[in-house]
Amino acid sequence: MKKILIIDDEEDLCLFVKQNLEISGRYAVTFKTSGKDGLESVAGDRPDLILLDLIMPKMGGFEVLKKLRASEATKQIPVVILTAVGYDLSKERAKSFSVEGYLVKPVFAKDLLAKVNEVLEGLS
């Protein structure tokens, strides 16, 4: 079973995503509601995929991405951006961090599952 970590300050969204991914029976999903807690979780229990919001208080998604990509232990973990920020500039900046996808909220569960499947099956 593949491990997915959601880093997003919206707990309701995290619960929605968790439920919709776990129903497939293929994924174990955890979430953290701050960038700092998310990074600590990654260090302790390396996920197979991270779903990351860009806009969070204190430590935003780009700062989390920068720290993930700077560490030898975490730089290869696939990241899919899941955010309300649909600006082309943000998409381009995310691409510079070699993210595997960029989904704009609100997102349909089927589209999210399709992207997660695509990324994780590509790693097998």
Protein backbone atom coordinates (compact mmCIF):
# COMPACT_ATOMS: atom_id res chain seq x y z
CA MET A 1 0.00 0.00 0.00
CA LYS A 2 1.39 3.39 -1.03
CA LYS A 3 1.68 6.16 1.58
CA ILE A 4 0.39 9.63 0.75
CA LEU A 5 0.91 12.73 2.88
CA ILE A 6 -1.33 15.76 2.48
CA ILE A 7 0.09 19.09 3.67
CA ASP A 8 -2.76 21.60 3.74
CA ASP A 9 -4.06 23.95 6.40
CA GLU A 10 -7.71 23.18 5.52
CA GLU A 11 -8.57 20.18 7.69
CA ASP A 12 -11.96 19.63 5.98
CA LEU A 13 -10.26 19.37 2.61
CA CYS A 14 -7.68 16.97 4.04
CA LEU A 15 -10.43 14.71 5.36
CA PHE A 16 -12.26 14.83 2.00
CA VAL A 17 -9.10 13.93 0.06
CA LYS A 18 -8.12 11.22 2.57
CA GLN A 19 -11.54 9.57 2.34
CA ASN A 20 -11.63 9.70 -1.45
CA LEU A 21 -8.14 8.24 -1.86
CA GLU A 22 -8.44 5.55 0.81
CA ILE A 23 -11.72 4.24 -0.61
CA SER A 24 -9.70 2.79 -3.50
CA GLY A 25 -7.98 0.45 -1.03
CA ARG A 26 -4.60 1.27 -2.58
CA TYR A 27 -3.46 4.17 -0.41
CA ALA A 28 -2.81 4.95 3.24
CA VAL A 29 -3.29 8.69 3.67
CA THR A 30 -2.18 10.97 6.49
CA PHE A 31 -2.27 14.73 6.69
CA LYS A 32 -0.62 17.62 8.45
CA THR A 33 -2.14 21.08 8.65
CA SER A 34 1.08 23.10 8.59
CA GLY A 35 4.21 23.16 6.49
CA LYS A 36 6.41 22.65 9.55
CA ASP A 37 4.45 19.60 10.75
CA GLY A 38 4.42 18.26 7.21
CA LEU A 39 8.20 18.45 6.91
CA GLU A 40 8.63 16.76 10.28
CA SER A 41 6.28 13.98 9.17
CA VAL A 42 8.20 13.46 5.92
CA ALA A 43 11.44 13.12 7.85
CA GLY A 44 9.96 10.51 10.18
CA ASP A 45 7.86 8.47 7.78
CA ARG A 46 8.84 8.90 4.14
CA PRO A 47 5.66 9.01 2.01
CA ASP A 48 5.45 7.78 -1.59
CA LEU A 49 3.67 10.99 -2.62
CA ILE A 50 2.97 14.43 -1.15
CA LEU A 51 -0.11 16.51 -1.96
CA LEU A 52 0.87 20.08 -1.12
CA ASP A 53 -1.07 23.32 -0.76
CA LEU A 54 0.75 26.53 -1.65
CA ILE A 55 -1.06 29.01 0.60
CA MET A 56 -0.60 28.18 4.29
CA PRO A 57 0.18 30.39 7.29
CA LYS A 58 3.76 30.61 8.62
CA MET A 59 5.38 28.23 6.10
CA GLY A 60 3.86 28.24 2.62
CA GLY A 61 4.03 25.50 0.04
CA PHE A 62 6.93 26.97 -1.91
CA GLU A 63 9.05 27.07 1.24
CA VAL A 64 8.11 23.44 1.94
CA LEU A 65 9.02 22.51 -1.64
CA LYS A 66 12.35 24.30 -1.38
CA LYS A 67 13.22 22.37 1.80
CA LEU A 68 12.07 19.04 0.32
CA ARG A 69 14.14 19.51 -2.83
CA ALA A 70 17.21 20.71 -0.88
CA SER A 71 17.41 17.53 1.20
CA GLU A 72 19.05 14.42 -0.20
CA ALA A 73 16.59 12.29 1.78
CA THR A 74 13.45 13.92 0.36
CA LYS A 75 14.32 15.46 -3.00
CA GLN A 76 13.01 12.47 -5.00
CA ILE A 77 9.59 12.28 -3.32
CA PRO A 78 6.93 13.11 -5.90
CA VAL A 79 4.87 16.22 -5.13
CA VAL A 80 1.51 17.18 -6.60
CA ILE A 81 0.37 20.73 -5.89
CA LEU A 82 -3.25 20.91 -4.71
CA THR A 83 -4.10 24.58 -4.28
CA ALA A 84 -6.62 27.34 -4.90
CA VAL A 85 -3.89 29.33 -6.68
CA GLY A 86 -4.47 28.98 -10.40
CA TYR A 87 -2.10 31.70 -11.61
CA ASP A 88 0.23 30.81 -14.47
CA LEU A 89 3.16 32.35 -12.57
CA SER A 90 2.57 29.99 -9.62
CA LYS A 91 2.30 27.03 -12.01
CA GLU A 92 5.59 27.98 -13.66
CA ARG A 93 7.31 28.43 -10.30
CA ALA A 94 6.01 25.01 -9.18
CA LYS A 95 7.39 23.42 -12.36
CA SER A 96 10.82 24.81 -11.50
CA PHE A 97 10.69 22.53 -8.43
CA SER A 98 9.97 19.50 -10.64
CA VAL A 99 6.49 18.82 -9.30
CA GLU A 100 4.56 15.93 -10.81
CA GLY A 101 1.27 17.77 -11.10
CA TYR A 102 -0.69 20.93 -10.36
CA LEU A 103 -4.38 20.68 -9.45
CA VAL A 104 -6.55 23.71 -8.71
CA LYS A 105 -9.17 23.56 -5.95
CA PRO A 106 -11.97 22.78 -5.98
CA VAL A 107 -10.96 19.50 -7.56
CA PHE A 108 -13.17 16.58 -8.50
CA ALA A 109 -12.35 13.40 -6.59
CA LYS A 110 -12.03 11.43 -9.86
CA ASP A 111 -9.47 13.93 -11.22
CA LEU A 112 -7.45 13.81 -8.02
CA LEU A 113 -7.47 10.01 -7.96
CA ALA A 114 -6.49 9.89 -11.64
CA LYS A 115 -3.47 12.17 -11.02
CA VAL A 116 -2.39 10.21 -7.92
CA ASN A 117 -2.71 6.91 -9.83
CA GLU A 118 -0.74 8.34 -12.76
CA VAL A 119 2.12 9.56 -10.59
CA LEU A 120 2.37 6.47 -8.38
CA GLU A 121 2.00 3.99 -11.23
CA GLY A 122 4.76 5.82 -13.05
CA LEU A 123 7.08 5.03 -10.14
CA SER A 124 6.44 1.29 -10.15
